[in-house]
């Protein structure tokens, strides 16, 4: 994960992303990556099975 913090307390998951940080341009160069789980990340196992999250936070790159 890059610039993503995930915590689970009881049945509540909290995701924190610092929107002031940049992880660089996307592969296409059309967007700037702010935070990502880089695919699906296993968060926790609970009584209903495993829990996963996939997250991408980005903004459109500034036009030149």
PDB file of N, CA and C in Angstrom:
ATOM      1  N   UNK A   1       0.839  -1.176   0.000  1.00  0.00           N
ATOM      2  CA  UNK A   1       0.000   0.000   0.000  1.00  0.00           C
ATOM      3  C   UNK A   1       0.885   1.241   0.000  1.00  0.00           C
ATOM      4  N   UNK A   2       0.425   2.247  -0.687  1.00  0.00           N
ATOM      5  CA  UNK A   2       1.145   3.515  -0.756  1.00  0.00           C
ATOM      6  C   UNK A   2       0.214   4.632  -0.292  1.00  0.00           C
ATOM      7  N   UNK A   3       0.604   5.305   0.807  1.00  0.00           N
ATOM      8  CA  UNK A   3      -0.137   6.434   1.349  1.00  0.00           C
ATOM      9  C   UNK A   3      -1.570   6.047   1.745  1.00  0.00           C
ATOM     10  N   UNK A   4      -1.761   4.808   2.173  1.00  0.00           N
ATOM     11  CA  UNK A   4      -3.065   4.333   2.625  1.00  0.00           C
ATOM     12  C   UNK A   4      -2.876   3.635   3.965  1.00  0.00           C
ATOM     13  N   UNK A   5      -3.645   4.051   4.953  1.00  0.00           N
ATOM     14  CA  UNK A   5      -3.643   3.385   6.248  1.00  0.00           C
ATOM     15  C   UNK A   5      -5.048   2.866   6.504  1.00  0.00           C
ATOM     16  N   UNK A   6      -5.140   1.601   6.889  1.00  0.00           N
ATOM     17  CA  UNK A   6      -6.428   0.971   7.147  1.00  0.00           C
ATOM     18  C   UNK A   6      -6.402   0.381   8.546  1.00  0.00           C
ATOM     19  N   UNK A   7      -7.454   0.682   9.312  1.00  0.00           N
ATOM     20  CA  UNK A   7      -7.580   0.090  10.639  1.00  0.00           C
ATOM     21  C   UNK A   7      -8.982  -0.480  10.789  1.00  0.00           C
ATOM     22  N   UNK A   8      -9.072  -1.539  11.561  1.00  0.00           N
ATOM     23  CA  UNK A   8     -10.360  -2.171  11.835  1.00  0.00           C
ATOM     24  C   UNK A   8     -10.532  -2.254  13.342  1.00  0.00           C
ATOM     25  N   UNK A   9     -11.640  -1.701  13.814  1.00  0.00           N
ATOM     26  CA  UNK A   9     -11.992  -1.789  15.229  1.00  0.00           C
ATOM     27  C   UNK A   9     -13.406  -2.334  15.302  1.00  0.00           C
ATOM     28  N   UNK A  10     -13.519  -3.542  15.795  1.00  0.00           N
ATOM     29  CA  UNK A  10     -14.830  -4.192  15.835  1.00  0.00           C
ATOM     30  C   UNK A  10     -15.312  -4.435  14.422  1.00  0.00           C
ATOM     31  N   UNK A  11     -16.443  -3.861  14.087  1.00  0.00           N
ATOM     32  CA  UNK A  11     -17.026  -4.037  12.758  1.00  0.00           C
ATOM     33  C   UNK A  11     -16.887  -2.796  11.885  1.00  0.00           C
ATOM     34  N   UNK A  12     -15.990  -1.869  12.281  1.00  0.00           N
ATOM     35  CA  UNK A  12     -15.818  -0.624  11.542  1.00  0.00           C
ATOM     36  C   UNK A  12     -14.403  -0.556  10.970  1.00  0.00           C
ATOM     37  N   UNK A  13     -14.319  -0.341   9.655  1.00  0.00           N
ATOM     38  CA  UNK A  13     -13.038  -0.165   8.978  1.00  0.00           C
ATOM     39  C   UNK A  13     -12.867   1.318   8.666  1.00  0.00           C
ATOM     40  N   UNK A  14     -11.695   1.857   8.982  1.00  0.00           N
ATOM     41  CA  UNK A  14     -11.382   3.248   8.698  1.00  0.00           C
ATOM     42  C   UNK A  14     -10.200   3.304   7.740  1.00  0.00           C
ATOM     43  N   UNK A  15     -10.363   4.066   6.658  1.00  0.00           N
ATOM     44  CA  UNK A  15      -9.311   4.236   5.658  1.00  0.00           C
ATOM     45  C   UNK A  15      -8.842   5.680   5.714  1.00  0.00           C
ATOM     46  N   UNK A  16      -7.527   5.876   5.822  1.00  0.00           N
ATOM     47  CA  UNK A  16      -6.952   7.217   5.874  1.00  0.00           C
ATOM     48  C   UNK A  16      -5.972   7.390   4.720  1.00  0.00           C
ATOM     49  N   UNK A  17      -6.161   8.472   3.943  1.00  0.00           N
ATOM     50  CA  UNK A  17      -5.277   8.810   2.828  1.00  0.00           C
ATOM     51  C   UNK A  17      -4.925  10.286   2.966  1.00  0.00           C
ATOM     52  N   UNK A  18      -3.629  10.599   2.945  1.00  0.00           N
ATOM     53  CA  UNK A  18      -3.182  11.991   3.014  1.00  0.00           C
ATOM     54  C   UNK A  18      -3.283  12.581   1.603  1.00  0.00           C
ATOM     55  N   UNK A  19      -4.278  13.430   1.382  1.00  0.00           N
ATOM     56  CA  UNK A  19      -4.530  13.989   0.053  1.00  0.00           C
ATOM     57  C   UNK A  19      -3.471  14.991  -0.392  1.00  0.00           C
ATOM     58  N   UNK A  20      -2.588  15.393   0.513  1.00  0.00           N
ATOM     59  CA  UNK A  20      -1.543  16.350   0.142  1.00  0.00           C
ATOM     60  C   UNK A  20      -0.325  15.662  -0.477  1.00  0.00           C
ATOM     61  N   UNK A  21      -0.282  14.338  -0.441  1.00  0.00           N
ATOM     62  CA  UNK A  21       0.877  13.608  -0.956  1.00  0.00           C
ATOM     63  C   UNK A  21       0.622  13.074  -2.359  1.00  0.00           C
ATOM     64  N   UNK A  22       1.690  12.926  -3.115  1.00  0.00           N
ATOM     65  CA  UNK A  22       1.622  12.376  -4.469  1.00  0.00           C
ATOM     66  C   UNK A  22       2.520  11.150  -4.547  1.00  0.00           C
ATOM     67  N   UNK A  23       2.059  10.144  -5.262  1.00  0.00           N
ATOM     68  CA  UNK A  23       2.846   8.937  -5.493  1.00  0.00           C
ATOM     69  C   UNK A  23       3.370   8.903  -6.930  1.00  0.00           C
ATOM     70  N   UNK A  24       3.188  10.020  -7.639  1.00  0.00           N
ATOM     71  CA  UNK A  24       3.685  10.124  -9.000  1.00  0.00           C
ATOM     72  C   UNK A  24       2.595   9.892 -10.033  1.00  0.00           C
ATOM     73  N   UNK A  25       2.962   9.976 -11.306  1.00  0.00           N
ATOM     74  CA  UNK A  25       1.974   9.818 -12.380  1.00  0.00           C
ATOM     75  C   UNK A  25       1.578   8.354 -12.566  1.00  0.00           C
ATOM     76  N   UNK A  26       0.379   8.163 -13.105  1.00  0.00           N
ATOM     77  CA  UNK A  26      -0.061   6.816 -13.463  1.00  0.00           C
ATOM     78  C   UNK A  26       0.725   6.354 -14.684  1.00  0.00           C
ATOM     79  N   UNK A  27       0.560   5.098 -15.031  1.00  0.00           N
ATOM     80  CA  UNK A  27       1.280   4.546 -16.187  1.00  0.00           C
ATOM     81  C   UNK A  27       0.942   5.293 -17.480  1.00  0.00           C
ATOM     82  N   UNK A  28      -0.318   5.730 -17.616  1.00  0.00           N
ATOM     83  CA  UNK A  28      -0.725   6.446 -18.831  1.00  0.00           C
ATOM     84  C   UNK A  28      -0.312   7.914 -18.789  1.00  0.00           C
ATOM     85  N   UNK A  29      -0.050   8.424 -17.586  1.00  0.00           N
ATOM     86  CA  UNK A  29       0.296   9.830 -17.440  1.00  0.00           C
ATOM     87  C   UNK A  29      -0.910  10.751 -17.386  1.00  0.00           C
ATOM     88  N   UNK A  30      -2.111  10.199 -17.466  1.00  0.00           N
ATOM     89  CA  UNK A  30      -3.325  11.024 -17.458  1.00  0.00           C
ATOM     90  C   UNK A  30      -3.734  11.439 -16.051  1.00  0.00           C
ATOM     91  N   UNK A  31      -3.315  10.673 -15.044  1.00  0.00           N
ATOM     92  CA  UNK A  31      -3.681  10.980 -13.672  1.00  0.00           C
ATOM     93  C   UNK A  31      -2.451  10.950 -12.780  1.00  0.00           C
ATOM     94  N   UNK A  32      -2.600  11.569 -11.617  1.00  0.00           N
ATOM     95  CA  UNK A  32      -1.555  11.562 -10.591  1.00  0.00           C
ATOM     96  C   UNK A  32      -2.064  10.699  -9.441  1.00  0.00           C
ATOM     97  N   UNK A  33      -1.307   9.713  -9.050  1.00  0.00           N
ATOM     98  CA  UNK A  33      -1.710   8.790  -7.997  1.00  0.00           C
ATOM     99  C   UNK A  33      -1.461   9.444  -6.640  1.00  0.00           C
ATOM    100  N   UNK A  34      -2.487   9.409  -5.793  1.00  0.00           N
ATOM    101  CA  UNK A  34      -2.376   9.950  -4.446  1.00  0.00           C
ATOM    102  C   UNK A  34      -2.176   8.811  -3.440  1.00  0.00           C
ATOM    103  N   UNK A  35      -2.919   7.736  -3.609  1.00  0.00           N
ATOM    104  CA  UNK A  35      -2.788   6.579  -2.731  1.00  0.00           C
ATOM    105  C   UNK A  35      -3.362   5.347  -3.397  1.00  0.00           C
ATOM    106  N   UNK A  36      -2.850   4.178  -3.045  1.00  0.00           N
ATOM    107  CA  UNK A  36      -3.344   2.941  -3.644  1.00  0.00           C
ATOM    108  C   UNK A  36      -3.045   1.752  -2.749  1.00  0.00           C
ATOM    109  N   UNK A  37      -3.910   0.750  -2.834  1.00  0.00           N
ATOM    110  CA  UNK A  37      -3.625  -0.519  -2.178  1.00  0.00           C
ATOM    111  C   UNK A  37      -2.858  -1.433  -3.127  1.00  0.00           C
ATOM    112  N   UNK A  38      -2.626  -0.994  -4.359  1.00  0.00           N
ATOM    113  CA  UNK A  38      -1.898  -1.776  -5.368  1.00  0.00           C
ATOM    114  C   UNK A  38      -2.559  -3.132  -5.584  1.00  0.00           C
ATOM    115  N   UNK A  39      -3.851  -3.089  -5.837  1.00  0.00           N
ATOM    116  CA  UNK A  39      -4.629  -4.325  -6.016  1.00  0.00           C
ATOM    117  C   UNK A  39      -5.491  -4.565  -4.794  1.00  0.00           C
ATOM    118  N   UNK A  40      -5.977  -5.779  -4.663  1.00  0.00           N
ATOM    119  CA  UNK A  40      -6.810  -6.113  -3.511  1.00  0.00           C
ATOM    120  C   UNK A  40      -5.935  -6.499  -2.329  1.00  0.00           C
ATOM    121  N   UNK A  41      -6.211  -5.895  -1.177  1.00  0.00           N
ATOM    122  CA  UNK A  41      -5.448  -6.160   0.038  1.00  0.00           C
ATOM    123  C   UNK A  41      -6.349  -6.871   1.045  1.00  0.00           C
ATOM    124  N   UNK A  42      -5.832  -7.940   1.654  1.00  0.00           N
ATOM    125  CA  UNK A  42      -6.571  -8.654   2.684  1.00  0.00           C
ATOM    126  C   UNK A  42      -6.509  -7.815   3.953  1.00  0.00           C
ATOM    127  N   UNK A  43      -7.658  -7.504   4.517  1.00  0.00           N
ATOM    128  CA  UNK A  43      -7.719  -6.648   5.688  1.00  0.00           C
ATOM    129  C   UNK A  43      -7.930  -7.462   6.957  1.00  0.00           C
ATOM    130  N   UNK A  44      -8.910  -8.350   6.941  1.00  0.00           N
ATOM    131  CA  UNK A  44      -9.213  -9.097   8.158  1.00  0.00           C
ATOM    132  C   UNK A  44     -10.071 -10.310   7.825  1.00  0.00           C
ATOM    133  N   UNK A  45     -10.043 -11.255   8.717  1.00  0.00           N
ATOM    134  CA  UNK A  45     -10.966 -12.382   8.635  1.00  0.00           C
ATOM    135  C   UNK A  45     -11.996 -12.169   9.735  1.00  0.00           C
ATOM    136  N   UNK A  46     -13.249 -12.346   9.379  1.00  0.00           N
ATOM    137  CA  UNK A  46     -14.295 -12.203  10.395  1.00  0.00           C
ATOM    138  C   UNK A  46     -15.218 -13.426  10.326  1.00  0.00           C
ATOM    139  N   UNK A  47     -16.276 -13.408  11.054  1.00  0.00           N
ATOM    140  CA  UNK A  47     -17.213 -14.524  11.086  1.00  0.00           C
ATOM    141  C   UNK A  47     -17.850 -14.823   9.744  1.00  0.00           C
ATOM    142  N   UNK A  48     -17.827 -13.866   8.813  1.00  0.00           N
ATOM    143  CA  UNK A  48     -18.438 -14.047   7.493  1.00  0.00           C
ATOM    144  C   UNK A  48     -17.417 -14.373   6.421  1.00  0.00           C
ATOM    145  N   UNK A  49     -16.170 -14.600   6.787  1.00  0.00           N
ATOM    146  CA  UNK A  49     -15.122 -14.875   5.815  1.00  0.00           C
ATOM    147  C   UNK A  49     -14.113 -13.744   5.763  1.00  0.00           C
ATOM    148  N   UNK A  50     -13.204 -13.857   4.815  1.00  0.00           N
ATOM    149  CA  UNK A  50     -12.154 -12.857   4.695  1.00  0.00           C
ATOM    150  C   UNK A  50     -12.708 -11.555   4.116  1.00  0.00           C
ATOM    151  N   UNK A  51     -12.071 -10.441   4.488  1.00  0.00           N
ATOM    152  CA  UNK A  51     -12.463  -9.119   4.004  1.00  0.00           C
ATOM    153  C   UNK A  51     -11.292  -8.538   3.215  1.00  0.00           C
ATOM    154  N   UNK A  52     -11.604  -8.028   2.029  1.00  0.00           N
ATOM    155  CA  UNK A  52     -10.596  -7.441   1.157  1.00  0.00           C
ATOM    156  C   UNK A  52     -11.024  -6.034   0.768  1.00  0.00           C
ATOM    157  N   UNK A  53     -10.032  -5.199   0.413  1.00  0.00           N
ATOM    158  CA  UNK A  53     -10.332  -3.867  -0.104  1.00  0.00           C
ATOM    159  C   UNK A  53      -9.376  -3.578  -1.255  1.00  0.00           C
ATOM    160  N   UNK A  54      -9.906  -2.941  -2.300  1.00  0.00           N
ATOM    161  CA  UNK A  54      -9.101  -2.460  -3.413  1.00  0.00           C
ATOM    162  C   UNK A  54      -9.391  -0.982  -3.582  1.00  0.00           C
ATOM    163  N   UNK A  55      -8.351  -0.157  -3.494  1.00  0.00           N
ATOM    164  CA  UNK A  55      -8.564   1.287  -3.465  1.00  0.00           C
ATOM    165  C   UNK A  55      -7.543   1.999  -4.338  1.00  0.00           C
ATOM    166  N   UNK A  56      -8.020   2.926  -5.155  1.00  0.00           N
ATOM    167  CA  UNK A  56      -7.156   3.830  -5.914  1.00  0.00           C
ATOM    168  C   UNK A  56      -7.678   5.242  -5.700  1.00  0.00           C
ATOM    169  N   UNK A  57      -6.807   6.119  -5.247  1.00  0.00           N
ATOM    170  CA  UNK A  57      -7.146   7.536  -5.062  1.00  0.00           C
ATOM    171  C   UNK A  57      -6.242   8.317  -6.010  1.00  0.00           C
ATOM    172  N   UNK A  58      -6.861   9.128  -6.886  1.00  0.00           N
ATOM    173  CA  UNK A  58      -6.073   9.833  -7.895  1.00  0.00           C
ATOM    174  C   UNK A  58      -6.759  11.140  -8.260  1.00  0.00           C
ATOM    175  N   UNK A  59      -6.003  11.977  -8.952  1.00  0.00           N
ATOM    176  CA  UNK A  59      -6.596  13.203  -9.510  1.00  0.00           C
ATOM    177  C   UNK A  59      -6.071  13.344 -10.932  1.00  0.00           C
ATOM    178  N   UNK A  60      -6.810  14.074 -11.744  1.00  0.00           N
ATOM    179  CA  UNK A  60      -6.376  14.284 -13.117  1.00  0.00           C
ATOM    180  C   UNK A  60      -5.148  15.179 -13.126  1.00  0.00           C
ATOM    181  N   UNK A  61      -4.202  14.815 -13.945  1.00  0.00           N
ATOM    182  CA  UNK A  61      -2.952  15.563 -14.039  1.00  0.00           C
ATOM    183  C   UNK A  61      -3.236  16.962 -14.586  1.00  0.00           C
ATOM    184  N   UNK A  62      -2.440  17.915 -14.158  1.00  0.00           N
ATOM    185  CA  UNK A  62      -2.578  19.284 -14.647  1.00  0.00           C
ATOM    186  C   UNK A  62      -2.279  19.331 -16.144  1.00  0.00           C
ATOM    187  N   UNK A  63      -3.112  20.046 -16.885  1.00  0.00           N
ATOM    188  CA  UNK A  63      -2.895  20.163 -18.342  1.00  0.00           C
ATOM    189  C   UNK A  63      -1.807  21.175 -18.604  1.00  0.00           C
ATOM    190  N   UNK A  64      -0.976  20.841 -19.559  1.00  0.00           N
ATOM    191  CA  UNK A  64       0.141  21.732 -19.910  1.00  0.00           C
ATOM    192  C   UNK A  64      -0.192  22.578 -21.108  1.00  0.00           C
TER     193      UNK A  64
END
